[in-house]
């Protein structure tokens, strides 16, 4: 994926779009963890999942234990031992900080990011997801075009003012599922306010097996780079997708790229 994507640069807004259950949250968390390992301060603001849920999912993946077994108390003694070992290993690593944010207003998000940046605890901000950010007077419709435009413009401005990269997730409209080729494309953003104009980078996540259980591409995901200001566009990278842990891995782990800042 690094070969196709030219990185998260200060002042940039990156949008990761997909339909529900495609894995956009998992991809963003994987990116956050990888960046944090380079020594950067990464904050993940999840408006959909609790911080504990995210941390537990990542811990179970590191331990190679199915998340449902750990949550249901069905993991074996050996599996719990692996979870403990994974927790000890992760405690010594650079990891993102997962935040619970009870106030989901745009103003609260801006205040939090500004505070973290000024206290030197923020190099990359990940927000999950755009439609759950509320704007006074625009609540009640997470796909309201004007509301989404207000938010995307504000997040781009925030990235510039704080001189840091912002990554925000976006749930695409279900209308794309009415066509034969359901891979997301840039035109799917045209009912989403100013996202296409405001974003410096736009990536889509697509898993064919979501629509076709017998797909030859089962266990893989396509990361489609629809836009990037400093690199090629309309390119696709393929990753392994582990359904049990909802995590991504390189198809060729021996070929490692470099994160760009």
C-alpha atoms as a PDB file:
ATOM      1  CA  UNK A   1       0.000   0.000   0.000  1.00  0.00           C
ATOM      2  CA  UNK A   2       2.886   2.389   0.763  1.00  0.00           C
ATOM      3  CA  UNK A   3       4.008   2.087  -2.851  1.00  0.00           C
ATOM      4  CA  UNK A   4       0.724   3.648  -4.018  1.00  0.00           C
ATOM      5  CA  UNK A   5       0.018   6.162  -1.252  1.00  0.00           C
ATOM      6  CA  UNK A   6       2.375   9.081  -0.715  1.00  0.00           C
ATOM      7  CA  UNK A   7       1.676   9.620   2.958  1.00  0.00           C
ATOM      8  CA  UNK A   8       0.053  11.900   5.497  1.00  0.00           C
ATOM      9  CA  UNK A   9       1.551  15.368   5.367  1.00  0.00           C
ATOM     10  CA  UNK A  10       1.079  18.264   7.818  1.00  0.00           C
ATOM     11  CA  UNK A  11      -1.942  20.339   6.857  1.00  0.00           C
ATOM     12  CA  UNK A  12      -3.544  17.536   4.854  1.00  0.00           C
ATOM     13  CA  UNK A  13      -7.028  16.057   5.162  1.00  0.00           C
ATOM     14  CA  UNK A  14      -7.382  12.388   4.216  1.00  0.00           C
ATOM     15  CA  UNK A  15     -10.814  10.784   3.826  1.00  0.00           C
ATOM     16  CA  UNK A  16     -11.306   7.003   4.016  1.00  0.00           C
ATOM     17  CA  UNK A  17     -14.705   6.131   2.546  1.00  0.00           C
ATOM     18  CA  UNK A  18     -16.642   2.871   2.399  1.00  0.00           C
ATOM     19  CA  UNK A  19     -20.006   1.271   2.952  1.00  0.00           C
ATOM     20  CA  UNK A  20     -20.625  -0.204   6.438  1.00  0.00           C
ATOM     21  CA  UNK A  21     -18.726  -3.396   7.396  1.00  0.00           C
ATOM     22  CA  UNK A  22     -16.092  -2.964   4.681  1.00  0.00           C
ATOM     23  CA  UNK A  23     -13.350  -2.356   7.236  1.00  0.00           C
ATOM     24  CA  UNK A  24     -12.721   1.390   7.096  1.00  0.00           C
ATOM     25  CA  UNK A  25     -12.390   1.649  10.886  1.00  0.00           C
ATOM     26  CA  UNK A  26     -10.017  -1.308  10.935  1.00  0.00           C
ATOM     27  CA  UNK A  27      -7.879   0.226   8.206  1.00  0.00           C
ATOM     28  CA  UNK A  28      -7.696   3.561  10.015  1.00  0.00           C
ATOM     29  CA  UNK A  29      -6.743   1.898  13.295  1.00  0.00           C
ATOM     30  CA  UNK A  30      -4.052  -0.106  11.532  1.00  0.00           C
ATOM     31  CA  UNK A  31      -2.649   3.099  10.035  1.00  0.00           C
ATOM     32  CA  UNK A  32      -2.765   4.798  13.439  1.00  0.00           C
ATOM     33  CA  UNK A  33      -0.890   1.960  15.137  1.00  0.00           C
ATOM     34  CA  UNK A  34       1.749   1.858  12.439  1.00  0.00           C
ATOM     35  CA  UNK A  35       2.360   5.602  12.597  1.00  0.00           C
ATOM     36  CA  UNK A  36       2.527   5.503  16.410  1.00  0.00           C
ATOM     37  CA  UNK A  37       5.312   2.918  16.228  1.00  0.00           C
ATOM     38  CA  UNK A  38       7.486   5.527  14.496  1.00  0.00           C
ATOM     39  CA  UNK A  39       7.339   7.661  17.650  1.00  0.00           C
ATOM     40  CA  UNK A  40       4.556  10.008  16.562  1.00  0.00           C
ATOM     41  CA  UNK A  41       1.771  11.046  18.919  1.00  0.00           C
ATOM     42  CA  UNK A  42      -1.425   9.625  17.400  1.00  0.00           C
ATOM     43  CA  UNK A  43      -4.894  10.300  18.767  1.00  0.00           C
ATOM     44  CA  UNK A  44      -7.847   8.206  17.575  1.00  0.00           C
ATOM     45  CA  UNK A  45     -11.186   9.867  18.250  1.00  0.00           C
ATOM     46  CA  UNK A  46     -13.862   7.211  17.852  1.00  0.00           C
ATOM     47  CA  UNK A  47     -17.442   8.441  17.875  1.00  0.00           C
ATOM     48  CA  UNK A  48     -18.761   4.959  17.055  1.00  0.00           C
ATOM     49  CA  UNK A  49     -16.831   2.477  19.239  1.00  0.00           C
ATOM     50  CA  UNK A  50     -15.610   2.808  22.810  1.00  0.00           C
ATOM     51  CA  UNK A  51     -11.870   3.076  23.324  1.00  0.00           C
ATOM     52  CA  UNK A  52     -11.904  -0.199  25.282  1.00  0.00           C
ATOM     53  CA  UNK A  53     -13.467  -2.043  22.356  1.00  0.00           C
ATOM     54  CA  UNK A  54     -10.785  -0.832  19.965  1.00  0.00           C
ATOM     55  CA  UNK A  55      -7.941  -1.662  22.338  1.00  0.00           C
ATOM     56  CA  UNK A  56      -9.356  -5.130  22.997  1.00  0.00           C
ATOM     57  CA  UNK A  57      -9.698  -5.874  19.300  1.00  0.00           C
ATOM     58  CA  UNK A  58      -6.091  -4.901  18.626  1.00  0.00           C
ATOM     59  CA  UNK A  59      -4.894  -6.913  21.618  1.00  0.00           C
ATOM     60  CA  UNK A  60      -6.707 -10.044  20.453  1.00  0.00           C
ATOM     61  CA  UNK A  61      -5.238  -9.670  16.975  1.00  0.00           C
ATOM     62  CA  UNK A  62      -1.729  -9.424  18.415  1.00  0.00           C
ATOM     63  CA  UNK A  63      -2.420 -12.550  20.498  1.00  0.00           C
ATOM     64  CA  UNK A  64      -4.020 -14.423  17.566  1.00  0.00           C
ATOM     65  CA  UNK A  65      -7.157 -15.016  19.635  1.00  0.00           C
ATOM     66  CA  UNK A  66     -10.664 -14.563  18.150  1.00  0.00           C
ATOM     67  CA  UNK A  67     -12.208 -11.437  19.622  1.00  0.00           C
ATOM     68  CA  UNK A  68     -15.568 -13.099  20.224  1.00  0.00           C
ATOM     69  CA  UNK A  69     -13.925 -15.829  22.328  1.00  0.00           C
ATOM     70  CA  UNK A  70     -12.221 -13.269  24.551  1.00  0.00           C
ATOM     71  CA  UNK A  71     -15.347 -11.132  24.968  1.00  0.00           C
ATOM     72  CA  UNK A  72     -17.614 -14.118  25.654  1.00  0.00           C
ATOM     73  CA  UNK A  73     -15.231 -15.684  28.154  1.00  0.00           C
ATOM     74  CA  UNK A  74     -14.775 -18.715  25.909  1.00  0.00           C
ATOM     75  CA  UNK A  75     -11.021 -18.361  25.374  1.00  0.00           C
ATOM     76  CA  UNK A  76      -8.880 -21.216  26.678  1.00  0.00           C
ATOM     77  CA  UNK A  77      -6.228 -20.824  29.359  1.00  0.00           C
ATOM     78  CA  UNK A  78      -3.578 -20.922  26.639  1.00  0.00           C
ATOM     79  CA  UNK A  79      -5.373 -18.182  24.699  1.00  0.00           C
ATOM     80  CA  UNK A  80      -5.648 -15.976  27.785  1.00  0.00           C
ATOM     81  CA  UNK A  81      -1.939 -16.551  28.339  1.00  0.00           C
ATOM     82  CA  UNK A  82      -1.253 -15.279  24.833  1.00  0.00           C
ATOM     83  CA  UNK A  83      -3.443 -12.233  25.505  1.00  0.00           C
ATOM     84  CA  UNK A  84      -1.421 -11.443  28.643  1.00  0.00           C
ATOM     85  CA  UNK A  85       1.850 -11.824  26.747  1.00  0.00           C
ATOM     86  CA  UNK A  86       0.560  -9.587  23.957  1.00  0.00           C
ATOM     87  CA  UNK A  87      -0.487  -6.950  26.505  1.00  0.00           C
ATOM     88  CA  UNK A  88       3.006  -6.978  28.016  1.00  0.00           C
ATOM     89  CA  UNK A  89       4.616  -6.597  24.594  1.00  0.00           C
ATOM     90  CA  UNK A  90       2.283  -3.789  23.560  1.00  0.00           C
ATOM     91  CA  UNK A  91       2.945  -1.941  26.816  1.00  0.00           C
ATOM     92  CA  UNK A  92       6.521  -1.345  25.642  1.00  0.00           C
ATOM     93  CA  UNK A  93       5.520  -0.170  22.156  1.00  0.00           C
ATOM     94  CA  UNK A  94       4.483   3.212  20.842  1.00  0.00           C
ATOM     95  CA  UNK A  95       0.698   3.009  20.475  1.00  0.00           C
ATOM     96  CA  UNK A  96      -2.099   5.415  19.562  1.00  0.00           C
ATOM     97  CA  UNK A  97      -4.202   6.941  22.294  1.00  0.00           C
ATOM     98  CA  UNK A  98      -7.835   5.900  21.850  1.00  0.00           C
ATOM     99  CA  UNK A  99     -10.226   8.585  23.052  1.00  0.00           C
ATOM    100  CA  UNK A 100     -13.833   8.414  24.188  1.00  0.00           C
ATOM    101  CA  UNK A 101     -15.525  11.683  23.258  1.00  0.00           C
ATOM    102  CA  UNK A 102     -18.979  12.185  24.802  1.00  0.00           C
ATOM    103  CA  UNK A 103     -19.330  15.607  23.176  1.00  0.00           C
ATOM    104  CA  UNK A 104     -19.494  14.971  19.430  1.00  0.00           C
ATOM    105  CA  UNK A 105     -20.048  18.552  18.301  1.00  0.00           C
ATOM    106  CA  UNK A 106     -17.685  19.989  15.727  1.00  0.00           C
ATOM    107  CA  UNK A 107     -16.638  22.695  18.170  1.00  0.00           C
ATOM    108  CA  UNK A 108     -15.706  20.091  20.810  1.00  0.00           C
ATOM    109  CA  UNK A 109     -13.588  18.170  18.312  1.00  0.00           C
ATOM    110  CA  UNK A 110     -11.788  21.379  17.331  1.00  0.00           C
ATOM    111  CA  UNK A 111     -11.167  22.321  20.983  1.00  0.00           C
ATOM    112  CA  UNK A 112      -9.827  18.864  21.828  1.00  0.00           C
ATOM    113  CA  UNK A 113      -7.458  18.781  18.852  1.00  0.00           C
ATOM    114  CA  UNK A 114      -6.188  22.288  19.597  1.00  0.00           C
ATOM    115  CA  UNK A 115      -5.538  21.416  23.252  1.00  0.00           C
ATOM    116  CA  UNK A 116      -3.683  18.209  22.368  1.00  0.00           C
ATOM    117  CA  UNK A 117      -1.572  19.953  19.735  1.00  0.00           C
ATOM    118  CA  UNK A 118      -0.597  22.792  22.050  1.00  0.00           C
ATOM    119  CA  UNK A 119       0.384  20.281  24.736  1.00  0.00           C
ATOM    120  CA  UNK A 120       2.589  18.474  22.177  1.00  0.00           C
ATOM    121  CA  UNK A 121       0.533  15.282  22.313  1.00  0.00           C
ATOM    122  CA  UNK A 122      -0.801  15.284  18.760  1.00  0.00           C
ATOM    123  CA  UNK A 123       0.982  14.562  15.467  1.00  0.00           C
ATOM    124  CA  UNK A 124      -1.829  12.694  13.683  1.00  0.00           C
ATOM    125  CA  UNK A 125      -5.574  12.883  14.357  1.00  0.00           C
ATOM    126  CA  UNK A 126      -7.908  10.073  13.239  1.00  0.00           C
ATOM    127  CA  UNK A 127     -11.685  10.618  13.491  1.00  0.00           C
ATOM    128  CA  UNK A 128     -14.253   7.814  13.156  1.00  0.00           C
ATOM    129  CA  UNK A 129     -16.462   8.989  11.561  1.00  0.00           C
ATOM    130  CA  UNK A 130     -17.510  12.211   9.801  1.00  0.00           C
ATOM    131  CA  UNK A 131     -21.270  11.616   9.799  1.00  0.00           C
ATOM    132  CA  UNK A 132     -21.339  11.299  13.606  1.00  0.00           C
ATOM    133  CA  UNK A 133     -19.919  14.765  14.174  1.00  0.00           C
ATOM    134  CA  UNK A 134     -22.803  17.035  15.059  1.00  0.00           C
ATOM    135  CA  UNK A 135     -23.314  20.628  13.973  1.00  0.00           C
ATOM    136  CA  UNK A 136     -25.798  22.767  15.920  1.00  0.00           C
ATOM    137  CA  UNK A 137     -28.889  23.268  13.783  1.00  0.00           C
ATOM    138  CA  UNK A 138     -27.918  20.412  11.466  1.00  0.00           C
ATOM    139  CA  UNK A 139     -28.513  17.370  13.686  1.00  0.00           C
ATOM    140  CA  UNK A 140     -30.825  14.533  12.710  1.00  0.00           C
ATOM    141  CA  UNK A 141     -29.453  13.714   9.272  1.00  0.00           C
ATOM    142  CA  UNK A 142     -25.889  12.390   9.128  1.00  0.00           C
ATOM    143  CA  UNK A 143     -25.948  12.555   5.313  1.00  0.00           C
ATOM    144  CA  UNK A 144     -27.134  16.163   5.112  1.00  0.00           C
ATOM    145  CA  UNK A 145     -25.094  17.698   2.302  1.00  0.00           C
ATOM    146  CA  UNK A 146     -24.635  21.116   3.873  1.00  0.00           C
ATOM    147  CA  UNK A 147     -23.720  19.630   7.243  1.00  0.00           C
ATOM    148  CA  UNK A 148     -21.062  17.387   5.708  1.00  0.00           C
ATOM    149  CA  UNK A 149     -19.688  20.351   3.783  1.00  0.00           C
ATOM    150  CA  UNK A 150     -19.390  22.416   6.946  1.00  0.00           C
ATOM    151  CA  UNK A 151     -17.533  19.594   8.708  1.00  0.00           C
ATOM    152  CA  UNK A 152     -15.127  18.764   5.886  1.00  0.00           C
ATOM    153  CA  UNK A 153     -14.185  22.427   5.434  1.00  0.00           C
ATOM    154  CA  UNK A 154     -13.677  22.815   9.198  1.00  0.00           C
ATOM    155  CA  UNK A 155     -11.463  19.717   9.410  1.00  0.00           C
ATOM    156  CA  UNK A 156      -9.334  20.892   6.495  1.00  0.00           C
ATOM    157  CA  UNK A 157      -8.974  24.285   8.169  1.00  0.00           C
ATOM    158  CA  UNK A 158      -8.074  22.567  11.451  1.00  0.00           C
ATOM    159  CA  UNK A 159      -5.357  20.520   9.731  1.00  0.00           C
ATOM    160  CA  UNK A 160      -3.847  23.697   8.264  1.00  0.00           C
ATOM    161  CA  UNK A 161      -4.078  25.747  11.460  1.00  0.00           C
ATOM    162  CA  UNK A 162      -2.530  23.017  13.631  1.00  0.00           C
ATOM    163  CA  UNK A 163      -0.079  21.972  10.894  1.00  0.00           C
ATOM    164  CA  UNK A 164      -0.835  18.269  11.196  1.00  0.00           C
ATOM    165  CA  UNK A 165      -2.460  15.514   9.131  1.00  0.00           C
ATOM    166  CA  UNK A 166      -6.101  14.703   9.856  1.00  0.00           C
ATOM    167  CA  UNK A 167      -7.679  11.410   8.775  1.00  0.00           C
ATOM    168  CA  UNK A 168     -11.470  11.151   8.853  1.00  0.00           C
ATOM    169  CA  UNK A 169     -13.687   8.203   7.971  1.00  0.00           C
ATOM    170  CA  UNK A 170     -16.821   8.615   5.880  1.00  0.00           C
ATOM    171  CA  UNK A 171     -19.738   6.257   5.316  1.00  0.00           C
ATOM    172  CA  UNK A 172     -20.731   6.244   1.651  1.00  0.00           C
ATOM    173  CA  UNK A 173     -24.350   6.425   0.545  1.00  0.00           C
ATOM    174  CA  UNK A 174     -26.062   3.105  -0.177  1.00  0.00           C
ATOM    175  CA  UNK A 175     -26.911   4.195  -3.723  1.00  0.00           C
ATOM    176  CA  UNK A 176     -23.662   2.644  -4.991  1.00  0.00           C
ATOM    177  CA  UNK A 177     -25.065  -0.804  -4.156  1.00  0.00           C
ATOM    178  CA  UNK A 178     -27.671  -0.462  -6.912  1.00  0.00           C
ATOM    179  CA  UNK A 179     -25.067  -0.782  -9.668  1.00  0.00           C
ATOM    180  CA  UNK A 180     -23.368  -3.942 -10.904  1.00  0.00           C
ATOM    181  CA  UNK A 181     -19.827  -2.829 -10.068  1.00  0.00           C
ATOM    182  CA  UNK A 182     -20.077  -1.793  -6.435  1.00  0.00           C
ATOM    183  CA  UNK A 183     -16.519  -0.562  -6.073  1.00  0.00           C
ATOM    184  CA  UNK A 184     -16.602   2.990  -4.693  1.00  0.00           C
ATOM    185  CA  UNK A 185     -15.569   5.824  -6.980  1.00  0.00           C
ATOM    186  CA  UNK A 186     -15.163   9.557  -6.713  1.00  0.00           C
ATOM    187  CA  UNK A 187     -18.670  10.255  -8.020  1.00  0.00           C
ATOM    188  CA  UNK A 188     -20.045   8.570  -4.874  1.00  0.00           C
ATOM    189  CA  UNK A 189     -18.883  11.626  -2.922  1.00  0.00           C
ATOM    190  CA  UNK A 190     -20.808  14.177  -4.947  1.00  0.00           C
ATOM    191  CA  UNK A 191     -23.754  14.045  -2.544  1.00  0.00           C
ATOM    192  CA  UNK A 192     -21.420  14.490   0.439  1.00  0.00           C
ATOM    193  CA  UNK A 193     -20.938  18.221   0.560  1.00  0.00           C
ATOM    194  CA  UNK A 194     -17.467  19.546  -0.197  1.00  0.00           C
ATOM    195  CA  UNK A 195     -15.538  16.396   0.708  1.00  0.00           C
ATOM    196  CA  UNK A 196     -14.200  15.849  -2.795  1.00  0.00           C
ATOM    197  CA  UNK A 197     -12.896  19.428  -2.929  1.00  0.00           C
ATOM    198  CA  UNK A 198     -11.674  19.749   0.679  1.00  0.00           C
ATOM    199  CA  UNK A 199      -9.799  16.451   0.940  1.00  0.00           C
ATOM    200  CA  UNK A 200      -6.176  16.246  -0.138  1.00  0.00           C
ATOM    201  CA  UNK A 201      -6.362  12.453  -0.243  1.00  0.00           C
ATOM    202  CA  UNK A 202      -9.320  10.111  -0.685  1.00  0.00           C
ATOM    203  CA  UNK A 203      -9.175   6.348  -0.221  1.00  0.00           C
ATOM    204  CA  UNK A 204     -11.955   3.795  -0.553  1.00  0.00           C
ATOM    205  CA  UNK A 205     -12.179   0.331   1.001  1.00  0.00           C
ATOM    206  CA  UNK A 206     -13.850  -2.476  -0.937  1.00  0.00           C
ATOM    207  CA  UNK A 207     -14.225  -6.186  -0.134  1.00  0.00           C
ATOM    208  CA  UNK A 208     -15.918  -8.207  -2.861  1.00  0.00           C
ATOM    209  CA  UNK A 209     -16.813 -11.042  -0.490  1.00  0.00           C
ATOM    210  CA  UNK A 210     -19.201  -8.715   1.352  1.00  0.00           C
ATOM    211  CA  UNK A 211     -21.503  -8.958  -1.672  1.00  0.00           C
ATOM    212  CA  UNK A 212     -20.438 -12.383  -2.972  1.00  0.00           C
ATOM    213  CA  UNK A 213     -19.663 -15.018  -0.322  1.00  0.00           C
ATOM    214  CA  UNK A 214     -18.119 -17.230  -3.015  1.00  0.00           C
ATOM    215  CA  UNK A 215     -15.900 -14.473  -4.395  1.00  0.00           C
ATOM    216  CA  UNK A 216     -12.477 -15.508  -5.677  1.00  0.00           C
ATOM    217  CA  UNK A 217     -11.168 -12.475  -3.773  1.00  0.00           C
ATOM    218  CA  UNK A 218     -12.319 -13.809  -0.394  1.00  0.00           C
ATOM    219  CA  UNK A 219      -9.992 -12.726   2.386  1.00  0.00           C
ATOM    220  CA  UNK A 220      -8.661  -9.710   0.498  1.00  0.00           C
ATOM    221  CA  UNK A 221      -9.556  -6.044   0.410  1.00  0.00           C
ATOM    222  CA  UNK A 222      -8.971  -3.382  -2.203  1.00  0.00           C
ATOM    223  CA  UNK A 223      -7.725   0.021  -1.079  1.00  0.00           C
ATOM    224  CA  UNK A 224      -8.603   2.365  -3.920  1.00  0.00           C
ATOM    225  CA  UNK A 225      -6.747   5.687  -3.990  1.00  0.00           C
ATOM    226  CA  UNK A 226      -9.212   7.986  -5.720  1.00  0.00           C
ATOM    227  CA  UNK A 227      -7.346  11.216  -5.049  1.00  0.00           C
ATOM    228  CA  UNK A 228      -4.022  12.380  -3.671  1.00  0.00           C
ATOM    229  CA  UNK A 229      -2.490  15.778  -4.214  1.00  0.00           C
ATOM    230  CA  UNK A 230       1.100  14.581  -4.073  1.00  0.00           C
ATOM    231  CA  UNK A 231       0.951  11.267  -5.877  1.00  0.00           C
ATOM    232  CA  UNK A 232      -0.809   9.058  -8.412  1.00  0.00           C
ATOM    233  CA  UNK A 233      -4.577   8.620  -8.285  1.00  0.00           C
ATOM    234  CA  UNK A 234      -6.958   5.905  -9.450  1.00  0.00           C
ATOM    235  CA  UNK A 235      -4.593   3.194  -8.217  1.00  0.00           C
ATOM    236  CA  UNK A 236      -5.494   0.141  -6.135  1.00  0.00           C
ATOM    237  CA  UNK A 237      -3.557  -1.764  -3.474  1.00  0.00           C
ATOM    238  CA  UNK A 238      -4.653  -5.168  -2.186  1.00  0.00           C
ATOM    239  CA  UNK A 239      -4.381  -6.269   1.437  1.00  0.00           C
ATOM    240  CA  UNK A 240      -5.237  -9.392   3.393  1.00  0.00           C
ATOM    241  CA  UNK A 241      -8.335  -8.999   5.553  1.00  0.00           C
ATOM    242  CA  UNK A 242      -8.784 -11.153   8.670  1.00  0.00           C
ATOM    243  CA  UNK A 243     -12.525 -11.250   9.317  1.00  0.00           C
ATOM    244  CA  UNK A 244     -12.294 -12.683  12.862  1.00  0.00           C
ATOM    245  CA  UNK A 245     -10.037  -9.900  14.103  1.00  0.00           C
ATOM    246  CA  UNK A 246     -11.182  -7.270  11.559  1.00  0.00           C
ATOM    247  CA  UNK A 247      -7.587  -6.383  10.733  1.00  0.00           C
ATOM    248  CA  UNK A 248      -5.523  -5.866   7.591  1.00  0.00           C
ATOM    249  CA  UNK A 249      -2.088  -7.163   6.615  1.00  0.00           C
ATOM    250  CA  UNK A 250       0.147  -6.791   3.584  1.00  0.00           C
ATOM    251  CA  UNK A 251      -0.277  -9.532   1.003  1.00  0.00           C
ATOM    252  CA  UNK A 252       3.517  -9.674   0.801  1.00  0.00           C
ATOM    253  CA  UNK A 253       4.727  -8.898   4.344  1.00  0.00           C
ATOM    254  CA  UNK A 254       8.359  -9.298   3.327  1.00  0.00           C
ATOM    255  CA  UNK A 255       7.998  -6.223   1.094  1.00  0.00           C
ATOM    256  CA  UNK A 256       7.815  -3.286   3.480  1.00  0.00           C
ATOM    257  CA  UNK A 257       7.442   0.323   2.411  1.00  0.00           C
ATOM    258  CA  UNK A 258       8.037   3.500   4.374  1.00  0.00           C
ATOM    259  CA  UNK A 259       5.578   5.863   5.971  1.00  0.00           C
ATOM    260  CA  UNK A 260       5.759   9.323   4.454  1.00  0.00           C
ATOM    261  CA  UNK A 261       5.361  12.525   6.442  1.00  0.00           C
END
